């Protein structure tokens, strides 16, 4: 093997490493961070939806089982708990529109807020399950 071949192999290895580093730095890592951010934001929004559903659909059970400090659920009245959870959920609706690719998710959330029944909640959960890992 000549020196030219060895230099060619070394340059190829260093070149491919450099290209991989550049691709990783400018394309792959930012894409992974964006996906992680969107997933984390979806989880936060979906937590708000589930908490609101627990308070609205099962208020007596939620009072004793829901461990959410920000609602102070055991000390406030049922109506105040619903209002606090509703306010939190309404603040999440613009976020839903930004982070989801399925535009019907926001309409399903609004529909559940309006009707507050198990049927609309089940429809919303079906859409959220499909949307979470997109």
N, C-alpha and C. Protein backbone atom coordinates (compact mmCIF):
# COMPACT_ATOMS: atom_id res chain seq x y z
N UNK A 1 0.83 -1.16 0.00
CA UNK A 1 0.00 0.00 0.00
C UNK A 1 0.89 1.23 0.00
N UNK A 2 0.57 2.12 -0.86
CA UNK A 2 1.41 3.31 -0.97
C UNK A 2 0.91 4.39 -0.01
N UNK A 3 1.74 5.38 0.15
CA UNK A 3 1.41 6.51 1.02
C UNK A 3 0.18 7.23 0.50
N UNK A 4 0.02 7.32 -0.81
CA UNK A 4 -1.14 7.99 -1.39
C UNK A 4 -2.44 7.28 -0.99
N UNK A 5 -2.41 5.97 -1.00
CA UNK A 5 -3.60 5.21 -0.60
C UNK A 5 -3.91 5.41 0.88
N UNK A 6 -2.89 5.38 1.71
CA UNK A 6 -3.08 5.59 3.15
C UNK A 6 -3.62 6.99 3.41
N UNK A 7 -3.06 8.00 2.75
CA UNK A 7 -3.55 9.38 2.90
C UNK A 7 -4.98 9.49 2.41
N UNK A 8 -5.29 8.83 1.33
CA UNK A 8 -6.65 8.84 0.78
C UNK A 8 -7.64 8.24 1.79
N UNK A 9 -7.24 7.14 2.43
CA UNK A 9 -8.11 6.50 3.43
C UNK A 9 -8.29 7.41 4.64
N UNK A 10 -7.21 8.01 5.11
CA UNK A 10 -7.28 8.91 6.27
C UNK A 10 -8.16 10.12 5.95
N UNK A 11 -7.98 10.71 4.77
CA UNK A 11 -8.79 11.87 4.37
C UNK A 11 -10.26 11.46 4.26
N UNK A 12 -10.53 10.29 3.72
CA UNK A 12 -11.91 9.81 3.61
C UNK A 12 -12.55 9.65 4.99
N UNK A 13 -11.80 9.06 5.91
CA UNK A 13 -12.32 8.86 7.27
C UNK A 13 -12.57 10.20 7.94
N UNK A 14 -11.60 11.10 7.87
CA UNK A 14 -11.76 12.42 8.49
C UNK A 14 -12.87 13.22 7.81
N UNK A 15 -12.97 13.11 6.50
CA UNK A 15 -14.02 13.81 5.75
C UNK A 15 -15.39 13.32 6.12
N UNK A 16 -15.55 12.01 6.22
CA UNK A 16 -16.86 11.46 6.58
C UNK A 16 -17.20 11.81 8.02
N UNK A 17 -16.21 11.83 8.89
CA UNK A 17 -16.45 12.24 10.27
C UNK A 17 -16.87 13.70 10.34
N UNK A 18 -16.23 14.53 9.56
CA UNK A 18 -16.57 15.95 9.53
C UNK A 18 -17.97 16.16 8.98
N UNK A 19 -18.31 15.44 7.92
CA UNK A 19 -19.66 15.56 7.35
C UNK A 19 -20.70 15.08 8.35
N UNK A 20 -20.41 13.99 9.02
CA UNK A 20 -21.33 13.47 10.04
C UNK A 20 -21.50 14.46 11.18
N UNK A 21 -20.42 15.08 11.59
CA UNK A 21 -20.48 16.07 12.66
C UNK A 21 -21.32 17.27 12.23
N UNK A 22 -21.11 17.75 11.02
CA UNK A 22 -21.86 18.90 10.53
C UNK A 22 -23.34 18.55 10.41
N UNK A 23 -23.64 17.40 9.83
CA UNK A 23 -25.03 16.98 9.71
C UNK A 23 -25.69 16.82 11.08
N UNK A 24 -24.98 16.22 11.98
CA UNK A 24 -25.51 16.02 13.33
C UNK A 24 -25.76 17.34 14.02
N UNK A 25 -24.82 18.26 13.92
CA UNK A 25 -24.92 19.54 14.61
C UNK A 25 -26.04 20.42 14.05
N UNK A 26 -26.17 20.46 12.74
CA UNK A 26 -27.10 21.40 12.13
C UNK A 26 -28.43 20.81 11.71
N UNK A 27 -28.53 19.48 11.65
CA UNK A 27 -29.78 18.89 11.18
C UNK A 27 -30.37 17.93 12.21
N UNK A 28 -29.64 16.90 12.59
CA UNK A 28 -30.21 15.83 13.40
C UNK A 28 -30.52 16.26 14.84
N UNK A 29 -29.59 16.90 15.50
CA UNK A 29 -29.80 17.30 16.90
C UNK A 29 -30.92 18.34 17.02
N UNK A 30 -30.95 19.40 16.19
CA UNK A 30 -32.09 20.33 16.30
C UNK A 30 -33.44 19.66 16.02
N UNK A 31 -33.46 18.73 15.08
CA UNK A 31 -34.71 18.03 14.79
C UNK A 31 -35.15 17.19 15.98
N UNK A 32 -34.21 16.49 16.63
CA UNK A 32 -34.54 15.70 17.81
C UNK A 32 -35.02 16.59 18.95
N UNK A 33 -34.37 17.73 19.14
CA UNK A 33 -34.78 18.65 20.20
C UNK A 33 -36.17 19.21 19.94
N UNK A 34 -36.47 19.52 18.68
CA UNK A 34 -37.80 20.02 18.32
C UNK A 34 -38.85 18.96 18.59
N UNK A 35 -38.58 17.72 18.20
CA UNK A 35 -39.52 16.64 18.44
C UNK A 35 -39.74 16.40 19.93
N UNK A 36 -38.67 16.47 20.71
CA UNK A 36 -38.79 16.29 22.15
C UNK A 36 -39.60 17.43 22.77
N UNK A 37 -39.36 18.66 22.31
CA UNK A 37 -40.11 19.81 22.82
C UNK A 37 -41.60 19.66 22.51
N UNK A 38 -41.92 19.29 21.29
CA UNK A 38 -43.32 19.12 20.90
C UNK A 38 -43.96 18.01 21.72
N UNK A 39 -43.26 16.90 21.90
CA UNK A 39 -43.80 15.79 22.69
C UNK A 39 -44.04 16.23 24.14
N UNK A 40 -43.09 16.94 24.73
CA UNK A 40 -43.25 17.41 26.11
C UNK A 40 -44.41 18.40 26.24
N UNK A 41 -44.55 19.29 25.26
CA UNK A 41 -45.66 20.25 25.29
C UNK A 41 -47.00 19.52 25.14
N UNK A 42 -47.04 18.53 24.27
CA UNK A 42 -48.26 17.76 24.12
C UNK A 42 -48.62 17.07 25.43
N UNK A 43 -47.64 16.52 26.11
CA UNK A 43 -47.90 15.87 27.39
C UNK A 43 -48.48 16.86 28.40
N UNK A 44 -47.93 18.07 28.45
CA UNK A 44 -48.45 19.08 29.39
C UNK A 44 -49.89 19.44 29.06
N UNK A 45 -50.16 19.66 27.79
CA UNK A 45 -51.52 20.02 27.37
C UNK A 45 -52.46 18.86 27.64
N UNK A 46 -52.05 17.65 27.33
CA UNK A 46 -52.90 16.50 27.54
C UNK A 46 -53.15 16.26 29.03
N UNK A 47 -52.18 16.57 29.86
CA UNK A 47 -52.39 16.50 31.32
C UNK A 47 -53.50 17.46 31.74
N UNK A 48 -53.49 18.67 31.20
CA UNK A 48 -54.54 19.65 31.50
C UNK A 48 -55.90 19.12 31.08
N UNK A 49 -55.95 18.48 29.93
CA UNK A 49 -57.22 17.93 29.45
C UNK A 49 -57.70 16.82 30.38
N UNK A 50 -56.82 15.95 30.76
CA UNK A 50 -57.20 14.82 31.63
C UNK A 50 -57.63 15.32 33.01
N UNK A 51 -56.93 16.29 33.55
CA UNK A 51 -57.30 16.83 34.86
C UNK A 51 -58.67 17.48 34.80
N UNK A 52 -58.92 18.27 33.75
CA UNK A 52 -60.23 18.88 33.58
C UNK A 52 -61.30 17.80 33.49
N UNK A 53 -61.04 16.74 32.73
CA UNK A 53 -62.01 15.66 32.58
C UNK A 53 -62.27 14.98 33.92
N UNK A 54 -61.22 14.75 34.69
CA UNK A 54 -61.41 14.11 35.99
C UNK A 54 -62.27 14.99 36.90
N UNK A 55 -62.02 16.27 36.90
CA UNK A 55 -62.77 17.18 37.77
C UNK A 55 -64.22 17.30 37.31
N UNK A 56 -64.44 17.33 36.00
CA UNK A 56 -65.79 17.51 35.47
C UNK A 56 -66.60 16.21 35.49
N UNK A 57 -65.98 15.13 35.05
CA UNK A 57 -66.72 13.88 34.92
C UNK A 57 -66.85 13.11 36.24
N UNK A 58 -65.83 13.24 37.09
CA UNK A 58 -65.82 12.50 38.35
C UNK A 58 -65.44 13.43 39.51
N UNK A 59 -66.27 14.41 39.81
CA UNK A 59 -65.88 15.42 40.81
C UNK A 59 -65.66 14.87 42.22
N UNK A 60 -66.49 13.94 42.66
CA UNK A 60 -66.33 13.40 44.02
C UNK A 60 -65.06 12.58 44.13
N UNK A 61 -64.79 11.76 43.12
CA UNK A 61 -63.58 10.95 43.14
C UNK A 61 -62.33 11.81 43.00
N UNK A 62 -62.43 12.84 42.18
CA UNK A 62 -61.27 13.71 41.96
C UNK A 62 -60.88 14.45 43.23
N UNK A 63 -61.87 14.79 44.02
CA UNK A 63 -61.59 15.52 45.25
C UNK A 63 -60.66 14.74 46.17
N UNK A 64 -60.75 13.42 46.14
CA UNK A 64 -59.95 12.61 47.05
C UNK A 64 -58.78 11.90 46.40
N UNK A 65 -58.74 11.88 45.09
CA UNK A 65 -57.66 11.14 44.45
C UNK A 65 -56.73 11.99 43.59
N UNK A 66 -57.18 13.16 43.20
CA UNK A 66 -56.39 13.98 42.29
C UNK A 66 -55.35 14.76 43.10
N UNK A 67 -54.11 14.50 42.84
CA UNK A 67 -53.03 15.17 43.57
C UNK A 67 -52.47 16.35 42.83
N UNK A 68 -53.27 17.37 42.63
CA UNK A 68 -52.82 18.55 41.90
C UNK A 68 -52.80 19.73 42.86
N UNK A 69 -51.61 20.19 43.17
CA UNK A 69 -51.47 21.26 44.15
C UNK A 69 -51.99 22.59 43.63
N UNK A 70 -51.84 22.84 42.34
CA UNK A 70 -52.21 24.17 41.84
C UNK A 70 -53.71 24.42 41.87
N UNK A 71 -54.51 23.37 41.95
CA UNK A 71 -55.95 23.57 42.03
C UNK A 71 -56.46 23.61 43.46
N UNK A 72 -55.66 23.15 44.40
CA UNK A 72 -56.07 23.14 45.81
C UNK A 72 -57.44 22.46 45.93
N UNK A 73 -57.55 21.31 45.34
CA UNK A 73 -58.83 20.67 45.05
C UNK A 73 -59.65 20.32 46.29
N UNK A 74 -59.02 20.01 47.38
CA UNK A 74 -59.80 19.62 48.56
C UNK A 74 -60.33 20.81 49.33
N UNK A 75 -59.76 21.97 49.13
CA UNK A 75 -60.20 23.14 49.89
C UNK A 75 -61.19 24.02 49.12
N UNK A 76 -61.15 23.97 47.80
CA UNK A 76 -62.05 24.80 47.01
C UNK A 76 -63.34 24.07 46.72
N UNK A 77 -64.35 24.84 46.35
CA UNK A 77 -65.63 24.21 46.00
C UNK A 77 -65.50 23.52 44.64
N UNK A 78 -66.48 22.69 44.36
CA UNK A 78 -66.47 21.96 43.10
C UNK A 78 -66.50 22.92 41.91
N UNK A 79 -67.30 23.96 42.01
CA UNK A 79 -67.40 24.95 40.93
C UNK A 79 -66.08 25.69 40.72
N UNK A 80 -65.40 26.04 41.81
CA UNK A 80 -64.11 26.71 41.69
C UNK A 80 -63.06 25.80 41.07
N UNK A 81 -63.10 24.51 41.42
CA UNK A 81 -62.17 23.55 40.82
C UNK A 81 -62.40 23.42 39.32
N UNK A 82 -63.67 23.34 38.93
CA UNK A 82 -63.99 23.26 37.51
C UNK A 82 -63.52 24.51 36.79
N UNK A 83 -63.76 25.66 37.39
CA UNK A 83 -63.36 26.92 36.76
C UNK A 83 -61.84 27.02 36.62
N UNK A 84 -61.11 26.63 37.64
CA UNK A 84 -59.64 26.65 37.57
C UNK A 84 -59.11 25.71 36.48
N UNK A 85 -59.67 24.50 36.45
CA UNK A 85 -59.25 23.54 35.42
C UNK A 85 -59.65 24.02 34.03
N UNK A 86 -60.81 24.64 33.93
CA UNK A 86 -61.27 25.18 32.65
C UNK A 86 -60.36 26.30 32.16
N UNK A 87 -59.99 27.19 33.05
CA UNK A 87 -59.07 28.27 32.68
C UNK A 87 -57.73 27.72 32.20
N UNK A 88 -57.23 26.71 32.90
CA UNK A 88 -55.96 26.09 32.50
C UNK A 88 -56.09 25.46 31.12
N UNK A 89 -57.20 24.78 30.88
CA UNK A 89 -57.41 24.13 29.60
C UNK A 89 -57.59 25.15 28.48
N UNK A 90 -58.31 26.22 28.74
CA UNK A 90 -58.50 27.25 27.70
C UNK A 90 -57.17 27.91 27.33
N UNK A 91 -56.27 28.03 28.29
CA UNK A 91 -54.95 28.58 27.99
C UNK A 91 -54.12 27.62 27.14
N UNK A 92 -54.47 26.35 27.16
CA UNK A 92 -53.72 25.35 26.39
C UNK A 92 -54.22 25.22 24.95
N UNK A 93 -55.39 25.73 24.64
CA UNK A 93 -55.94 25.57 23.29
C UNK A 93 -55.05 26.20 22.22
N UNK A 94 -54.53 27.42 22.40
CA UNK A 94 -53.62 27.94 21.36
C UNK A 94 -52.37 27.07 21.19
N UNK A 95 -51.90 26.51 22.28
CA UNK A 95 -50.73 25.63 22.20
C UNK A 95 -51.06 24.37 21.40
N UNK A 96 -52.27 23.85 21.59
CA UNK A 96 -52.70 22.67 20.84
C UNK A 96 -52.66 22.97 19.35
N UNK A 97 -53.15 24.12 18.98
CA UNK A 97 -53.19 24.48 17.55
C UNK A 97 -51.80 24.62 16.97
N UNK A 98 -50.83 25.00 17.78
CA UNK A 98 -49.47 25.15 17.29
C UNK A 98 -48.72 23.83 17.19
N UNK A 99 -48.94 22.92 18.13
CA UNK A 99 -48.09 21.73 18.21
C UNK A 99 -48.67 20.49 17.55
N UNK A 100 -49.93 20.50 17.21
CA UNK A 100 -50.51 19.30 16.62
C UNK A 100 -50.66 19.45 15.11
N UNK A 101 -50.50 18.33 14.44
CA UNK A 101 -50.69 18.32 12.99
C UNK A 101 -52.15 18.04 12.64
N UNK A 102 -52.87 17.42 13.57
CA UNK A 102 -54.28 17.12 13.37
C UNK A 102 -55.10 18.32 13.87
N UNK A 103 -55.64 19.05 12.95
CA UNK A 103 -56.35 20.28 13.31
C UNK A 103 -57.70 20.03 13.97
N UNK A 104 -58.18 18.79 13.94
CA UNK A 104 -59.45 18.50 14.59
C UNK A 104 -59.32 18.31 16.10
N UNK A 105 -58.10 18.22 16.58
CA UNK A 105 -57.89 18.03 18.02
C UNK A 105 -58.41 19.24 18.79
N UNK A 106 -58.09 20.44 18.33
CA UNK A 106 -58.55 21.65 19.03
C UNK A 106 -60.07 21.73 19.02
N UNK A 107 -60.70 21.37 17.90
CA UNK A 107 -62.17 21.38 17.86
C UNK A 107 -62.75 20.35 18.82
N UNK A 108 -62.08 19.21 18.96
CA UNK A 108 -62.55 18.19 19.90
C UNK A 108 -62.42 18.67 21.34
N UNK A 109 -61.36 19.40 21.64
CA UNK A 109 -61.19 19.96 22.99
C UNK A 109 -62.30 20.97 23.27
N UNK A 110 -62.55 21.84 22.32
CA UNK A 110 -63.61 22.85 22.49
C UNK A 110 -64.96 22.18 22.63
N UNK A 111 -65.19 21.13 21.87
CA UNK A 111 -66.45 20.39 21.95
C UNK A 111 -66.60 19.74 23.33
N UNK A 112 -65.52 19.16 23.85
CA UNK A 112 -65.58 18.56 25.18
C UNK A 112 -65.83 19.62 26.25
N UNK A 113 -65.19 20.77 26.13
CA UNK A 113 -65.42 21.85 27.09
C UNK A 113 -66.89 22.26 27.07
N UNK A 114 -67.47 22.33 25.88
CA UNK A 114 -68.86 22.76 25.75
C UNK A 114 -69.84 21.74 26.32
N UNK A 115 -69.66 20.45 25.97
CA UNK A 115 -70.64 19.44 26.37
C UNK A 115 -70.31 18.77 27.70
N UNK A 116 -69.04 18.60 28.01
CA UNK A 116 -68.58 18.00 29.27
C UNK A 116 -69.23 16.65 29.56
N UNK A 117 -69.22 15.78 28.56
CA UNK A 117 -69.78 14.45 28.77
C UNK A 117 -68.78 13.38 28.34
N UNK A 118 -69.09 12.15 28.71
CA UNK A 118 -68.18 11.04 28.47
C UNK A 118 -68.00 10.76 26.98
N UNK A 119 -69.04 10.91 26.19
CA UNK A 119 -68.95 10.64 24.76
C UNK A 119 -67.94 11.57 24.07
N UNK A 120 -68.02 12.85 24.37
CA UNK A 120 -67.08 13.81 23.78
C UNK A 120 -65.66 13.60 24.31
N UNK A 121 -65.56 13.19 25.56
CA UNK A 121 -64.24 12.90 26.12
C UNK A 121 -63.62 11.68 25.43
N UNK A 122 -64.41 10.64 25.21
CA UNK A 122 -63.89 9.46 24.52
C UNK A 122 -63.43 9.79 23.10
N UNK A 123 -64.19 10.62 22.42
CA UNK A 123 -63.81 11.07 21.08
C UNK A 123 -62.49 11.85 21.12
N UNK A 124 -62.37 12.72 22.11
CA UNK A 124 -61.14 13.51 22.27
C UNK A 124 -59.95 12.61 22.57
N UNK A 125 -60.11 11.66 23.46
CA UNK A 125 -59.02 10.74 23.81
C UNK A 125 -58.59 9.93 22.60
N UNK A 126 -59.52 9.50 21.79
CA UNK A 126 -59.17 8.76 20.57
C UNK A 126 -58.27 9.62 19.67
N UNK A 127 -58.63 10.88 19.51
CA UNK A 127 -57.82 11.78 18.66
C UNK A 127 -56.46 12.06 19.30
N UNK A 128 -56.43 12.22 20.61
CA UNK A 128 -55.17 12.51 21.30
C UNK A 128 -54.22 11.32 21.22
N UNK A 129 -54.74 10.12 21.34
CA UNK A 129 -53.88 8.94 21.24
C UNK A 129 -53.25 8.84 19.86
N UNK A 130 -54.01 9.13 18.83
CA UNK A 130 -53.45 9.10 17.47
C UNK A 130 -52.45 10.22 17.26
N UNK A 131 -52.66 11.34 17.90
CA UNK A 131 -51.83 12.52 17.67
C UNK A 131 -50.54 12.53 18.48
N UNK A 132 -50.52 11.89 19.63
CA UNK A 132 -49.39 12.03 20.55
C UNK A 132 -48.06 11.63 19.93
N UNK A 133 -48.03 10.58 19.17
CA UNK A 133 -46.75 10.09 18.64
C UNK A 133 -46.51 10.44 17.18
N UNK A 134 -47.27 11.37 16.65
CA UNK A 134 -47.03 11.80 15.26
C UNK A 134 -45.83 12.68 15.18
